[in-house]
C-alpha atoms as a PDB file:
ATOM      1  CA  MET A   1      27.599  60.823  -0.276  1.00  0.00           C
ATOM      2  CA  PRO A   2      25.581  63.836  -1.529  1.00  0.00           C
ATOM      3  CA  ARG A   3      22.073  63.228  -2.777  1.00  0.00           C
ATOM      4  CA  SER A   4      23.033  64.221  -6.313  1.00  0.00           C
ATOM      5  CA  ALA A   5      25.533  61.358  -6.428  1.00  0.00           C
ATOM      6  CA  PHE A   6      22.608  58.895  -6.210  1.00  0.00           C
ATOM      7  CA  GLN A   7      20.706  60.406  -9.144  1.00  0.00           C
ATOM      8  CA  PRO A   8      22.755  58.712 -11.891  1.00  0.00           C
ATOM      9  CA  LEU A   9      22.449  55.395 -10.053  1.00  0.00           C
ATOM     10  CA  LEU A  10      18.682  55.800  -9.721  1.00  0.00           C
ATOM     11  CA  LEU A  11      18.402  56.714 -13.394  1.00  0.00           C
ATOM     12  CA  LEU A  12      20.478  53.684 -14.365  1.00  0.00           C
ATOM     13  CA  LEU A  13      18.271  51.406 -12.258  1.00  0.00           C
ATOM     14  CA  ALA A  14      15.119  52.941 -13.718  1.00  0.00           C
ATOM     15  CA  LEU A  15      16.366  52.390 -17.268  1.00  0.00           C
ATOM     16  CA  ALA A  16      17.753  48.900 -16.678  1.00  0.00           C
ATOM     17  CA  PRO A  17      15.832  46.309 -18.649  1.00  0.00           C
ATOM     18  CA  VAL A  18      13.419  44.217 -16.616  1.00  0.00           C
ATOM     19  CA  PRO A  19      13.911  40.538 -17.377  1.00  0.00           C
ATOM     20  CA  ALA A  20      11.316  39.482 -19.918  1.00  0.00           C
ATOM     21  CA  LEU A  21      10.700  36.313 -17.918  1.00  0.00           C
ATOM     22  CA  ALA A  22       9.259  38.263 -14.984  1.00  0.00           C
ATOM     23  CA  LEU A  23       6.913  40.195 -17.263  1.00  0.00           C
ATOM     24  CA  ASP A  24       5.874  37.249 -19.409  1.00  0.00           C
ATOM     25  CA  LEU A  25       4.916  34.886 -16.607  1.00  0.00           C
ATOM     26  CA  ASP A  26       1.273  33.936 -16.365  1.00  0.00           C
ATOM     27  CA  PRO A  27       0.754  32.544 -12.845  1.00  0.00           C
ATOM     28  CA  ALA A  28      -2.535  30.848 -13.780  1.00  0.00           C
ATOM     29  CA  ALA A  29      -0.932  29.060 -16.744  1.00  0.00           C
ATOM     30  CA  ILE A  30       2.083  28.027 -14.656  1.00  0.00           C
ATOM     31  CA  ARG A  31      -0.186  26.758 -11.885  1.00  0.00           C
ATOM     32  CA  GLN A  32      -2.179  24.736 -14.426  1.00  0.00           C
ATOM     33  CA  GLN A  33       1.042  23.149 -15.740  1.00  0.00           C
ATOM     34  CA  LEU A  34       2.554  22.324 -12.341  1.00  0.00           C
ATOM     35  CA  VAL A  35      -0.351  21.462 -10.018  1.00  0.00           C
ATOM     36  CA  LEU A  36      -1.188  17.778 -10.277  1.00  0.00           C
ATOM     37  CA  PRO A  37      -4.901  16.922  -9.945  1.00  0.00           C
ATOM     38  CA  ALA A  38      -4.121  13.624  -8.206  1.00  0.00           C
ATOM     39  CA  GLU A  39      -1.309  12.558  -5.932  1.00  0.00           C
ATOM     40  CA  PRO A  40       1.437  10.857  -7.946  1.00  0.00           C
ATOM     41  CA  ALA A  41       2.081   7.212  -7.122  1.00  0.00           C
ATOM     42  CA  GLY A  42       5.201   6.079  -5.348  1.00  0.00           C
ATOM     43  CA  ALA A  43       5.732   9.022  -3.004  1.00  0.00           C
ATOM     44  CA  ILE A  44       8.416   8.394  -0.391  1.00  0.00           C
ATOM     45  CA  THR A  45       9.555  10.249   2.713  1.00  0.00           C
ATOM     46  CA  PRO A  46      12.600  12.527   2.717  1.00  0.00           C
ATOM     47  CA  THR A  47      14.444   9.865   4.763  1.00  0.00           C
ATOM     48  CA  ALA A  48      13.698   7.185   2.152  1.00  0.00           C
ATOM     49  CA  ALA A  49      14.673   9.628  -0.614  1.00  0.00           C
ATOM     50  CA  LYS A  50      18.037  10.232   1.099  1.00  0.00           C
ATOM     51  CA  GLN A  51      18.688   6.466   0.946  1.00  0.00           C
ATOM     52  CA  LYS A  52      17.766   6.306  -2.748  1.00  0.00           C
ATOM     53  CA  LEU A  53      19.492   9.417  -4.102  1.00  0.00           C
ATOM     54  CA  ASN A  54      23.124  10.287  -4.745  1.00  0.00           C
ATOM     55  CA  ALA A  55      24.991  13.053  -6.585  1.00  0.00           C
ATOM     56  CA  THR A  56      23.559  11.924  -9.947  1.00  0.00           C
ATOM     57  CA  PRO A  57      20.136  13.505 -10.677  1.00  0.00           C
ATOM     58  CA  GLN A  58      17.308  10.950 -10.544  1.00  0.00           C
ATOM     59  CA  PRO A  59      13.528  11.134 -10.921  1.00  0.00           C
ATOM     60  CA  ILE A  60      11.812  11.070  -7.521  1.00  0.00           C
ATOM     61  CA  VAL A  61       8.451  11.663  -5.839  1.00  0.00           C
ATOM     62  CA  VAL A  62       8.644  12.961  -2.246  1.00  0.00           C
ATOM     63  CA  ALA A  63       5.885  13.542   0.306  1.00  0.00           C
ATOM     64  CA  GLY A  64       6.676  16.101   2.980  1.00  0.00           C
ATOM     65  CA  ARG A  65       5.476  18.965   5.138  1.00  0.00           C
ATOM     66  CA  ILE A  66       6.495  22.538   4.412  1.00  0.00           C
ATOM     67  CA  GLY A  67       8.775  23.600   7.232  1.00  0.00           C
ATOM     68  CA  ALA A  68      12.422  24.239   7.969  1.00  0.00           C
ATOM     69  CA  ARG A  69      13.051  23.420  11.624  1.00  0.00           C
ATOM     70  CA  GLY A  70      12.654  26.894  13.025  1.00  0.00           C
ATOM     71  CA  MET A  71      13.716  28.767   9.876  1.00  0.00           C
ATOM     72  CA  GLU A  72      11.581  30.364   7.160  1.00  0.00           C
ATOM     73  CA  PRO A  73      10.739  27.601   4.632  1.00  0.00           C
ATOM     74  CA  PHE A  74       9.938  29.951   1.738  1.00  0.00           C
ATOM     75  CA  LEU A  75      12.115  32.209  -0.404  1.00  0.00           C
ATOM     76  CA  ASP A  76      10.297  35.492  -0.982  1.00  0.00           C
ATOM     77  CA  GLY A  77       9.405  35.958  -4.631  1.00  0.00           C
ATOM     78  CA  LYS A  78      10.606  32.491  -5.707  1.00  0.00           C
ATOM     79  CA  ALA A  79       8.814  29.240  -6.433  1.00  0.00           C
ATOM     80  CA  SER A  80      10.922  27.526  -3.753  1.00  0.00           C
ATOM     81  CA  PHE A  81      10.353  26.016  -0.325  1.00  0.00           C
ATOM     82  CA  VAL A  82      11.714  23.472   2.140  1.00  0.00           C
ATOM     83  CA  LEU A  83      10.107  20.164   3.118  1.00  0.00           C
ATOM     84  CA  VAL A  84      10.583  18.099   6.258  1.00  0.00           C
ATOM     85  CA  GLU A  85       9.267  14.691   7.315  1.00  0.00           C
ATOM     86  CA  ILE A  86       5.540  14.396   7.977  1.00  0.00           C
ATOM     87  CA  PRO A  87       5.286  13.092  11.543  1.00  0.00           C
ATOM     88  CA  ALA A  88       3.828   9.594  11.500  1.00  0.00           C
ATOM     89  CA  ASP A  89       2.965   9.341  15.207  1.00  0.00           C
ATOM     90  CA  ASP A  90      -0.534   9.812  16.560  1.00  0.00           C
ATOM     91  CA  HIS A  91       0.697  12.483  18.980  1.00  0.00           C
ATOM     92  CA  ALA A  92       1.757  14.622  15.995  1.00  0.00           C
ATOM     93  CA  LYS A  93      -1.821  14.713  14.703  1.00  0.00           C
ATOM     94  CA  LYS A  94      -3.133  16.521  17.770  1.00  0.00           C
ATOM     95  CA  PRO A  95      -4.285  20.112  17.175  1.00  0.00           C
ATOM     96  CA  GLY A  96      -1.585  22.649  17.978  1.00  0.00           C
ATOM     97  CA  HIS A  97       1.267  20.127  17.738  1.00  0.00           C
ATOM     98  CA  ASP A  98       4.533  21.937  17.054  1.00  0.00           C
ATOM     99  CA  ALA A  99       7.149  19.538  15.678  1.00  0.00           C
ATOM    100  CA  ASP A 100       9.876  22.202  16.040  1.00  0.00           C
ATOM    101  CA  ASN A 101       9.401  22.229  19.827  1.00  0.00           C
ATOM    102  CA  CYS A 102       8.303  18.635  20.455  1.00  0.00           C
ATOM    103  CA  PRO A 103      11.124  16.605  22.075  1.00  0.00           C
ATOM    104  CA  PHE A 104       9.845  13.358  20.530  1.00  0.00           C
ATOM    105  CA  CYS A 105       9.727  14.813  17.003  1.00  0.00           C
ATOM    106  CA  LYS A 106      13.081  16.558  17.433  1.00  0.00           C
ATOM    107  CA  LYS A 107      14.759  13.291  18.426  1.00  0.00           C
ATOM    108  CA  LYS A 108      13.105  11.298  15.640  1.00  0.00           C
ATOM    109  CA  ASN A 109      13.880  13.886  12.969  1.00  0.00           C
ATOM    110  CA  ALA A 110      17.407  14.767  14.124  1.00  0.00           C
ATOM    111  CA  ASN A 111      18.975  12.857  11.225  1.00  0.00           C
ATOM    112  CA  ALA A 112      16.129  13.224   8.748  1.00  0.00           C
ATOM    113  CA  PRO A 113      17.043  15.326   5.717  1.00  0.00           C
ATOM    114  CA  MET A 114      15.265  18.439   4.594  1.00  0.00           C
ATOM    115  CA  VAL A 115      14.274  18.801   0.941  1.00  0.00           C
ATOM    116  CA  ALA A 116      15.007  22.076  -0.861  1.00  0.00           C
ATOM    117  CA  VAL A 117      12.358  22.254  -3.594  1.00  0.00           C
ATOM    118  CA  GLN A 118      12.501  24.659  -6.500  1.00  0.00           C
ATOM    119  CA  PHE A 119      10.433  25.078  -9.635  1.00  0.00           C
ATOM    120  CA  VAL A 120      12.532  26.485 -12.474  1.00  0.00           C
ATOM    121  CA  GLY A 121      11.838  28.178 -15.766  1.00  0.00           C
ATOM    122  CA  ALA A 122      13.316  27.386 -19.169  1.00  0.00           C
ATOM    123  CA  ASP A 123      16.420  29.356 -18.151  1.00  0.00           C
ATOM    124  CA  GLY A 124      17.075  26.970 -15.246  1.00  0.00           C
ATOM    125  CA  LYS A 125      16.489  29.695 -12.636  1.00  0.00           C
ATOM    126  CA  PRO A 126      13.782  29.508  -9.965  1.00  0.00           C
ATOM    127  CA  LEU A 127      10.470  30.896 -11.180  1.00  0.00           C
ATOM    128  CA  PRO A 128      10.150  34.457  -9.830  1.00  0.00           C
ATOM    129  CA  ILE A 129       6.704  33.873  -8.337  1.00  0.00           C
ATOM    130  CA  ASP A 130       6.297  33.253  -4.610  1.00  0.00           C
ATOM    131  CA  ALA A 131       5.325  29.607  -3.996  1.00  0.00           C
ATOM    132  CA  ARG A 132       2.809  30.702  -1.354  1.00  0.00           C
ATOM    133  CA  LYS A 133       0.885  32.668  -3.976  1.00  0.00           C
ATOM    134  CA  LEU A 134       1.514  30.344  -6.907  1.00  0.00           C
ATOM    135  CA  PHE A 135       0.311  27.180  -5.151  1.00  0.00           C
ATOM    136  CA  GLY A 136      -1.650  28.520  -2.155  1.00  0.00           C
ATOM    137  CA  LEU A 137       0.863  27.076   0.295  1.00  0.00           C
ATOM    138  CA  ALA A 138       1.622  27.849   3.921  1.00  0.00           C
ATOM    139  CA  GLU A 139       4.047  26.523   6.481  1.00  0.00           C
ATOM    140  CA  GLY A 140       2.671  23.174   7.661  1.00  0.00           C
ATOM    141  CA  SER A 141       1.054  22.264   4.317  1.00  0.00           C
ATOM    142  CA  ASP A 142       1.543  18.632   3.303  1.00  0.00           C
ATOM    143  CA  VAL A 143       2.542  18.213  -0.330  1.00  0.00           C
ATOM    144  CA  VAL A 144       3.773  15.600  -2.753  1.00  0.00           C
ATOM    145  CA  VAL A 145       6.378  16.871  -5.198  1.00  0.00           C
ATOM    146  CA  GLN A 146       7.771  15.109  -8.245  1.00  0.00           C
ATOM    147  CA  GLY A 147      10.892  16.000 -10.136  1.00  0.00           C
ATOM    148  CA  THR A 148      14.612  15.333 -10.235  1.00  0.00           C
ATOM    149  CA  GLY A 149      16.554  15.026  -7.009  1.00  0.00           C
ATOM    150  CA  VAL A 150      20.135  14.796  -5.826  1.00  0.00           C
ATOM    151  CA  PHE A 151      21.692  14.147  -2.442  1.00  0.00           C
ATOM    152  CA  ASP A 152      25.314  14.839  -1.655  1.00  0.00           C
ATOM    153  CA  ALA A 153      26.322  12.944   1.498  1.00  0.00           C
ATOM    154  CA  LYS A 154      29.441  15.129   1.776  1.00  0.00           C
ATOM    155  CA  LEU A 155      27.409  18.203   2.743  1.00  0.00           C
ATOM    156  CA  ALA A 156      27.478  19.158   6.428  1.00  0.00           C
ATOM    157  CA  ILE A 157      23.664  19.394   6.546  1.00  0.00           C
ATOM    158  CA  PRO A 158      21.595  16.527   5.127  1.00  0.00           C
ATOM    159  CA  ILE A 159      19.595  18.243   2.393  1.00  0.00           C
ATOM    160  CA  ILE A 160      18.064  16.873  -0.776  1.00  0.00           C
ATOM    161  CA  GLN A 161      17.917  19.239  -3.725  1.00  0.00           C
ATOM    162  CA  LEU A 162      14.793  18.665  -5.802  1.00  0.00           C
ATOM    163  CA  THR A 163      14.072  20.441  -9.062  1.00  0.00           C
ATOM    164  CA  ALA A 164      10.332  19.935  -9.296  1.00  0.00           C
ATOM    165  CA  ASP A 165       8.044  19.586 -12.288  1.00  0.00           C
ATOM    166  CA  GLY A 166       4.803  18.865 -10.432  1.00  0.00           C
ATOM    167  CA  ILE A 167       3.115  19.357  -7.062  1.00  0.00           C
ATOM    168  CA  HIS A 168       0.050  17.940  -5.370  1.00  0.00           C
ATOM    169  CA  VAL A 169      -1.212  19.700  -2.248  1.00  0.00           C
ATOM    170  CA  ARG A 170      -2.797  17.283   0.212  1.00  0.00           C
ATOM    171  CA  GLN A 171      -6.030  18.448   1.777  1.00  0.00           C
ATOM    172  CA  PRO A 172      -6.002  18.799   5.588  1.00  0.00           C
ATOM    173  CA  GLN A 173      -7.716  15.945   7.382  1.00  0.00           C
END
């Protein structure tokens, strides 16, 4: 396609309205609304949440570790991430422990669900701010998230979908 054929497309993209939501977001204000100063009571593991939830949305508080079993746990530019079980064994607390490559953790977590967490705006769409920047998160961070969760046992992969309204980041020990 000749270069001139792209010019109308580029002009159209340049003139396209930018969603007001992206321009109006104040990360500091959002952070203040969503970050919980204290860990909410009643946090349960993803495995316990799987037992409690069904296809009907229910309030839930889940404690987990940011990770996705060898995949990227974050969505670039979105307030979304994936949680996995926090290993409870003493061996998992050793420096340099890699649950993705540990045979004991792999076996224990083979049937444990992952939790797809998203923070949404008033329009119901994920907030267009990267969760790493918004909350200061990294892969391996332990968090407690509260919100509304669903679990559909018919899905091929056990995954809990959690629309969050609050997060507490646990401090490393």
